[in-house]
Amino acid sequence: MRSSSTLPPLQALRAFEAVARLMSFRRAGEELLITQSAVSHHMRQLEEFLGLPLFVRKPRSIILTPEGEAYLAHTTDAFRLIGAATAELRGRSRRNVVRISLLPSFAANWLVSRLHRFQSLRPDIDLELDPTLRTADIAGGEADIAIRYGDGNWPGVDARLLMAEQLSPVISPALLQSDKAIETPQDLLRHTLLFAKKPVDWQIWADAVGLDLSPARTIQLTDYNITLQAALDGQGIAIGRMLLIRDHVRTGRLVQPFPETITSTRTSHWLVTPKKDGIAPAIQAFMDWLIAETAEASNQKNGETSNAL
């Protein structure tokens, strides 16, 4: 089938939408799982096809041209329509499938080990997990529900609090036994601190204990799974999301230098659903199970005290 002469290369169009939304060639490449140079190639290809520039490229940033802003609006609407149409068709043919978008760290460290419980209760429902760092367009039908981490403030969707994370620094036993003793929060600055993509967790904990992080030596990592592995390998100190890493602490693979934890709705796990009336029974069944499971997990104690913010 011949492509229409009015349609741009669809891969380039998808790359444009990601770059324009994230305002970064690098972050778009991370989301699309392609290199930054491949993203640049797609942008040049699309601009040549259209015959005009979509971005103004500056030394350290990019901005959309007026034509780029207009094109982004139409492109976003087009992808949303495609997603909604796809979701409708999938819903007709596969009514007992629930599609869940969630962070890889939540999937690997919390949800997957519990899925057998849901399957034993509802063997008639299939689950499709999409572990991704990208914020799926729930309103546009990219997934039925999402489990997100943050403050619950996402436009165009409903967010229900599942669990407020319990934050506390964690360190490998080997690193803890080094000559750089940790007795006070200030002592953490003698070690490398491991930051995930957005170091909100660290900042909330540091603010609560009065620690200035500005002089800290840090390693910036993309995903919390990578941050956690770096901590297990003794590469530095991570901020522990204790609800996710309880097993590592219980088995001694990671150690809390301080027993106290900090909780905040800004660093919580949320159940995100579209703003619409009526939820399919299979989706509702999984949501009810997830709410019950997270409530039970939140009530379990690690033996530490907790301060809420």
Protein backbone atom coordinates (compact mmCIF):
# COMPACT_ATOMS: atom_id res chain seq x y z
CA MET A 1 0.00 0.00 0.00
CA ARG A 2 1.39 3.38 -0.97
CA SER A 3 1.72 6.04 1.69
CA SER A 4 -0.19 9.27 1.21
CA SER A 5 1.99 12.16 0.09
CA THR A 6 0.37 14.31 2.78
CA LEU A 7 1.29 11.98 5.65
CA PRO A 8 4.70 12.46 7.27
CA PRO A 9 6.83 9.46 8.34
CA LEU A 10 4.98 8.15 11.38
CA GLN A 11 8.15 7.34 13.35
CA ALA A 12 9.29 10.91 12.88
CA LEU A 13 5.88 12.16 13.95
CA ARG A 14 6.01 10.07 17.14
CA ALA A 15 9.48 11.41 17.88
CA PHE A 16 8.28 14.99 17.31
CA GLU A 17 5.43 14.55 19.78
CA ALA A 18 7.83 13.21 22.43
CA VAL A 19 10.43 15.96 21.89
CA ALA A 20 7.82 18.71 21.92
CA ARG A 21 6.18 17.35 25.07
CA LEU A 22 9.44 16.80 26.95
CA MET A 23 11.37 19.72 25.43
CA SER A 24 14.42 17.51 25.19
CA PHE A 25 15.94 15.34 22.46
CA ARG A 26 17.71 13.25 25.10
CA ARG A 27 14.63 12.57 27.22
CA ALA A 28 12.58 11.81 24.11
CA GLY A 29 15.17 9.22 23.12
CA GLU A 30 15.02 7.63 26.58
CA GLU A 31 11.24 7.43 26.37
CA LEU A 32 11.20 5.99 22.86
CA LEU A 33 14.18 3.69 23.57
CA ILE A 34 16.23 5.13 20.70
CA THR A 35 19.42 7.17 20.64
CA GLN A 36 19.49 10.95 20.77
CA SER A 37 21.04 11.01 17.31
CA ALA A 38 18.13 8.93 16.00
CA VAL A 39 15.72 11.48 17.46
CA SER A 40 17.66 14.29 15.74
CA HIS A 41 17.49 12.38 12.46
CA HIS A 42 13.72 12.01 12.78
CA MET A 43 13.37 15.73 13.46
CA ARG A 44 15.44 16.70 10.42
CA GLN A 45 13.42 14.25 8.31
CA LEU A 46 10.12 15.72 9.49
CA GLU A 47 11.22 19.34 9.04
CA GLU A 48 12.44 18.54 5.51
CA PHE A 49 9.11 16.88 4.76
CA LEU A 50 7.17 19.91 6.02
CA GLY A 51 9.54 22.45 4.55
CA LEU A 52 9.84 24.55 7.71
CA PRO A 53 11.51 24.40 11.14
CA LEU A 54 9.54 23.11 14.12
CA PHE A 55 12.11 24.03 16.79
CA VAL A 56 14.48 26.87 17.56
CA ARG A 57 17.66 25.14 18.73
CA LYS A 58 19.65 26.97 21.40
CA PRO A 59 22.96 25.91 22.98
CA ARG A 60 21.30 24.31 26.02
CA SER A 61 17.62 24.17 25.16
CA ILE A 62 15.01 24.10 22.42
CA ILE A 63 11.73 25.91 21.94
CA LEU A 64 8.89 25.32 19.55
CA THR A 65 8.36 27.69 16.65
CA PRO A 66 4.78 29.01 16.26
CA GLU A 67 4.31 26.46 13.50
CA GLY A 68 5.66 23.75 15.79
CA GLU A 69 3.21 24.69 18.56
CA ALA A 70 0.27 24.49 16.16
CA TYR A 71 1.49 21.20 14.72
CA LEU A 72 1.93 19.72 18.21
CA ALA A 73 -1.70 20.47 19.09
CA HIS A 74 -2.94 18.63 16.00
CA THR A 75 -0.49 15.78 16.48
CA THR A 76 -1.53 15.28 20.11
CA ASP A 77 -5.20 15.19 19.12
CA ALA A 78 -4.45 12.66 16.39
CA PHE A 79 -2.61 10.28 18.73
CA ARG A 80 -5.37 10.63 21.32
CA LEU A 81 -8.01 9.69 18.74
CA ILE A 82 -5.99 6.69 17.60
CA GLY A 83 -5.52 5.58 21.21
CA ALA A 84 -9.22 5.94 22.01
CA ALA A 85 -10.24 4.02 18.88
CA THR A 86 -7.76 1.27 19.71
CA ALA A 87 -9.00 1.03 23.28
CA GLU A 88 -12.59 0.77 22.09
CA LEU A 89 -11.82 -2.08 19.71
CA ARG A 90 -9.71 -3.90 22.27
CA GLY A 91 -12.51 -3.52 24.78
CA ARG A 92 -14.98 -5.18 22.41
CA SER A 93 -12.78 -8.14 21.60
CA ARG A 94 -10.98 -8.63 24.93
CA ARG A 95 -13.34 -7.61 27.70
CA ASN A 96 -11.48 -9.60 30.36
CA VAL A 97 -8.09 -8.01 29.80
CA VAL A 98 -6.89 -5.23 32.11
CA ARG A 99 -4.00 -3.09 30.82
CA ILE A 100 -1.92 -1.49 33.55
CA SER A 101 0.76 1.17 33.09
CA LEU A 102 3.21 1.41 35.99
CA LEU A 103 6.80 2.15 36.90
CA PRO A 104 9.27 -0.73 36.47
CA SER A 105 10.31 -0.34 40.11
CA PHE A 106 6.76 -0.81 41.41
CA ALA A 107 6.20 -3.77 39.12
CA ALA A 108 9.45 -5.55 40.04
CA ASN A 109 9.60 -4.78 43.76
CA TRP A 110 5.96 -4.86 44.80
CA LEU A 111 3.25 -5.95 42.37
CA VAL A 112 4.62 -8.97 40.52
CA SER A 113 5.19 -11.05 43.66
CA ARG A 114 1.52 -10.56 44.61
CA LEU A 115 -0.15 -11.23 41.26
CA HIS A 116 -0.72 -14.91 42.02
CA ARG A 117 -3.20 -13.81 44.69
CA PHE A 118 -5.31 -11.96 42.16
CA GLN A 119 -5.04 -14.77 39.62
CA SER A 120 -6.29 -17.29 42.17
CA LEU A 121 -9.30 -15.07 42.88
CA ARG A 122 -10.07 -14.14 39.26
CA PRO A 123 -8.59 -16.65 36.81
CA ASP A 124 -10.98 -15.30 34.16
CA ILE A 125 -9.12 -11.96 33.99
CA ASP A 126 -5.85 -11.50 32.10
CA LEU A 127 -3.47 -8.71 33.11
CA GLU A 128 -1.19 -6.82 30.74
CA LEU A 129 1.55 -4.93 32.59
CA ASP A 130 3.37 -2.11 30.82
CA PRO A 131 6.35 -1.18 33.02
CA THR A 132 7.52 2.18 31.68
CA LEU A 133 9.07 5.45 32.79
CA ARG A 134 6.76 7.26 30.40
CA THR A 135 3.50 8.72 31.71
CA ALA A 136 0.90 6.80 29.71
CA ASP A 137 -2.05 8.73 28.31
CA ILE A 138 -4.80 7.11 30.36
CA ALA A 139 -7.42 9.56 29.12
CA GLY A 140 -6.44 8.69 25.54
CA GLY A 141 -6.80 4.96 26.07
CA GLU A 142 -3.14 3.88 26.17
CA ALA A 143 -3.94 1.82 29.28
CA ASP A 144 -7.01 1.04 31.36
CA ILE A 145 -5.45 2.22 34.61
CA ALA A 146 -2.06 3.40 35.83
CA ILE A 147 -0.13 3.12 39.08
CA ARG A 148 1.92 6.29 39.37
CA TYR A 149 4.37 7.70 41.87
CA GLY A 150 4.33 11.36 42.84
CA ASP A 151 1.94 13.90 44.28
CA GLY A 152 -1.29 12.76 42.56
CA ASN A 153 -1.59 15.99 40.60
CA TRP A 154 -2.02 14.87 36.99
CA PRO A 155 -4.43 16.73 34.69
CA GLY A 156 -7.36 15.02 32.99
CA VAL A 157 -7.47 11.92 35.23
CA ASP A 158 -8.72 10.81 38.62
CA ALA A 159 -6.07 9.81 41.17
CA ARG A 160 -6.72 7.80 44.34
CA LEU A 161 -4.04 7.49 47.01
CA LEU A 162 -2.89 3.90 47.46
CA MET A 163 0.17 4.17 49.71
CA ALA A 164 2.26 7.03 51.04
CA GLU A 165 5.87 5.90 50.77
CA GLN A 166 8.04 5.58 53.86
CA LEU A 167 11.36 7.27 53.07
CA SER A 168 14.67 6.60 54.77
CA PRO A 169 18.28 6.38 53.55
CA VAL A 170 19.58 2.85 52.93
CA ILE A 171 23.11 1.58 52.47
CA SER A 172 24.82 -1.74 51.81
CA PRO A 173 26.35 -3.43 54.90
CA ALA A 174 29.81 -3.32 53.33
CA LEU A 175 29.65 0.41 52.71
CA LEU A 176 28.22 1.02 56.17
CA GLN A 177 31.24 -0.73 57.68
CA SER A 178 33.69 1.52 55.85
CA ASP A 179 35.78 4.12 57.67
CA LYS A 180 33.18 6.80 56.92
CA ALA A 181 30.91 6.28 59.91
CA ILE A 182 27.27 7.41 59.79
CA GLU A 183 25.93 8.63 63.10
CA THR A 184 24.03 11.78 62.07
CA PRO A 185 22.32 12.88 58.84
CA GLN A 186 25.26 15.22 58.19
CA ASP A 187 27.52 12.17 57.95
CA LEU A 188 25.69 11.08 54.81
CA LEU A 189 27.48 13.84 52.91
CA ARG A 190 30.76 11.94 53.35
CA HIS A 191 29.36 9.33 50.94
CA THR A 192 28.02 9.46 47.40
CA LEU A 193 24.25 9.93 47.28
CA LEU A 194 22.31 8.06 44.61
CA PHE A 195 19.56 10.10 42.98
CA ALA A 196 16.76 8.77 40.79
CA LYS A 197 15.57 10.82 37.81
CA LYS A 198 13.91 13.40 40.04
CA PRO A 199 15.47 13.59 43.54
CA VAL A 200 12.21 14.59 45.26
CA ASP A 201 12.48 11.69 47.72
CA TRP A 202 15.89 12.81 48.93
CA GLN A 203 14.82 16.44 49.18
CA ILE A 204 11.71 15.67 51.24
CA TRP A 205 13.69 13.52 53.67
CA ALA A 206 16.53 16.05 53.89
CA ASP A 207 14.13 18.93 54.54
CA ALA A 208 12.45 16.94 57.31
CA VAL A 209 15.75 16.32 59.14
CA GLY A 210 17.31 19.70 58.37
CA LEU A 211 20.03 18.45 56.02
CA ASP A 212 21.39 20.70 53.24
CA LEU A 213 22.01 18.50 50.18
CA SER A 214 23.72 21.18 48.09
CA PRO A 215 27.30 20.07 48.93
CA ALA A 216 26.51 16.37 48.38
CA ARG A 217 28.45 14.27 45.89
CA THR A 218 25.80 12.56 43.77
CA ILE A 219 25.23 10.07 40.98
CA GLN A 220 22.14 10.76 38.87
CA LEU A 221 20.35 7.61 37.69
CA THR A 222 17.26 7.27 35.52
CA ASP A 223 15.12 4.60 37.14
CA TYR A 224 14.64 3.66 40.79
CA ASN A 225 15.48 0.02 39.96
CA ILE A 226 18.92 1.18 38.82
CA THR A 227 19.28 3.35 41.92
CA LEU A 228 18.40 0.39 44.11
CA GLN A 229 20.90 -1.88 42.37
CA ALA A 230 23.63 0.72 42.76
CA ALA A 231 22.92 0.84 46.49
CA LEU A 232 23.03 -2.97 46.74
CA ASP A 233 26.38 -2.90 44.94
CA GLY A 234 27.78 -0.40 47.45
CA GLN A 235 28.06 2.46 44.98
CA GLY A 236 26.47 4.96 47.36
CA ILE A 237 23.51 5.69 49.60
CA ALA A 238 19.97 5.63 48.19
CA ILE A 239 16.79 6.99 49.66
CA GLY A 240 14.80 3.89 50.46
CA ARG A 241 11.20 3.59 49.40
CA MET A 242 10.59 1.24 52.27
CA LEU A 243 7.29 -0.16 51.01
CA LEU A 244 9.13 -1.39 47.91
CA ILE A 245 12.35 -2.63 49.50
CA ARG A 246 11.16 -4.27 52.72
CA ASP A 247 12.61 -7.64 51.71
CA HIS A 248 16.06 -6.13 51.10
CA VAL A 249 16.02 -4.58 54.59
CA ARG A 250 14.63 -7.67 56.32
CA THR A 251 17.29 -9.90 54.79
CA GLY A 252 20.08 -7.42 55.58
CA ARG A 253 21.02 -6.70 51.96
CA LEU A 254 20.38 -3.06 52.79
CA VAL A 255 20.60 -1.29 56.14
CA GLN A 256 18.86 1.81 57.50
CA PRO A 257 21.40 4.05 59.26
CA PHE A 258 18.48 5.80 61.00
CA PRO A 259 15.26 4.07 62.14
CA GLU A 260 12.92 6.99 61.42
CA THR A 261 11.03 7.28 58.13
CA ILE A 262 9.27 10.21 56.48
CA THR A 263 5.96 9.94 54.65
CA SER A 264 4.45 12.49 52.29
CA THR A 265 1.60 12.54 49.78
CA ARG A 266 4.13 14.11 47.39
CA THR A 267 5.95 10.77 47.28
CA SER A 268 3.11 8.30 47.16
CA HIS A 269 1.70 5.56 44.96
CA TRP A 270 -1.58 6.45 43.24
CA LEU A 271 -4.23 4.58 41.30
CA VAL A 272 -4.97 6.64 38.19
CA THR A 273 -8.11 6.20 36.10
CA PRO A 274 -9.76 8.13 33.27
CA LYS A 275 -12.39 10.74 34.06
CA LYS A 276 -15.44 8.88 32.79
CA ASP A 277 -18.60 7.21 34.00
CA GLY A 278 -18.67 3.45 34.21
CA ILE A 279 -15.74 1.08 34.64
CA ALA A 280 -15.65 -2.37 33.08
CA PRO A 281 -16.20 -5.15 35.65
CA ALA A 282 -12.78 -6.72 35.04
CA ILE A 283 -11.03 -3.39 35.60
CA GLN A 284 -13.09 -2.71 38.73
CA ALA A 285 -12.23 -6.16 40.09
CA PHE A 286 -8.51 -5.52 39.76
CA MET A 287 -8.84 -2.03 41.24
CA ASP A 288 -10.71 -3.37 44.28
CA TRP A 289 -8.05 -6.05 44.80
CA LEU A 290 -5.21 -3.53 44.43
CA ILE A 291 -6.79 -1.14 46.93
CA ALA A 292 -7.14 -3.96 49.46
CA GLU A 293 -3.57 -5.18 48.93
CA THR A 294 -2.02 -1.74 49.28
CA ALA A 295 -4.07 -1.02 52.40
CA GLU A 296 -2.72 -4.21 53.97
CA ALA A 297 0.86 -3.35 52.95
CA SER A 298 0.55 0.18 54.35
CA ASN A 299 -0.56 -1.19 57.72
CA GLN A 300 2.43 -3.51 58.02
CA LYS A 301 5.23 -2.14 60.17
CA ASN A 302 8.94 -2.33 59.55
CA GLY A 303 9.72 -1.58 63.18
CA GLU A 304 10.59 2.06 62.49
CA THR A 305 8.86 5.25 63.54
CA SER A 306 7.30 7.37 60.84
CA ASN A 307 6.74 11.09 60.48
CA ALA A 308 4.08 12.33 58.08
CA LEU A 309 4.45 15.51 56.05
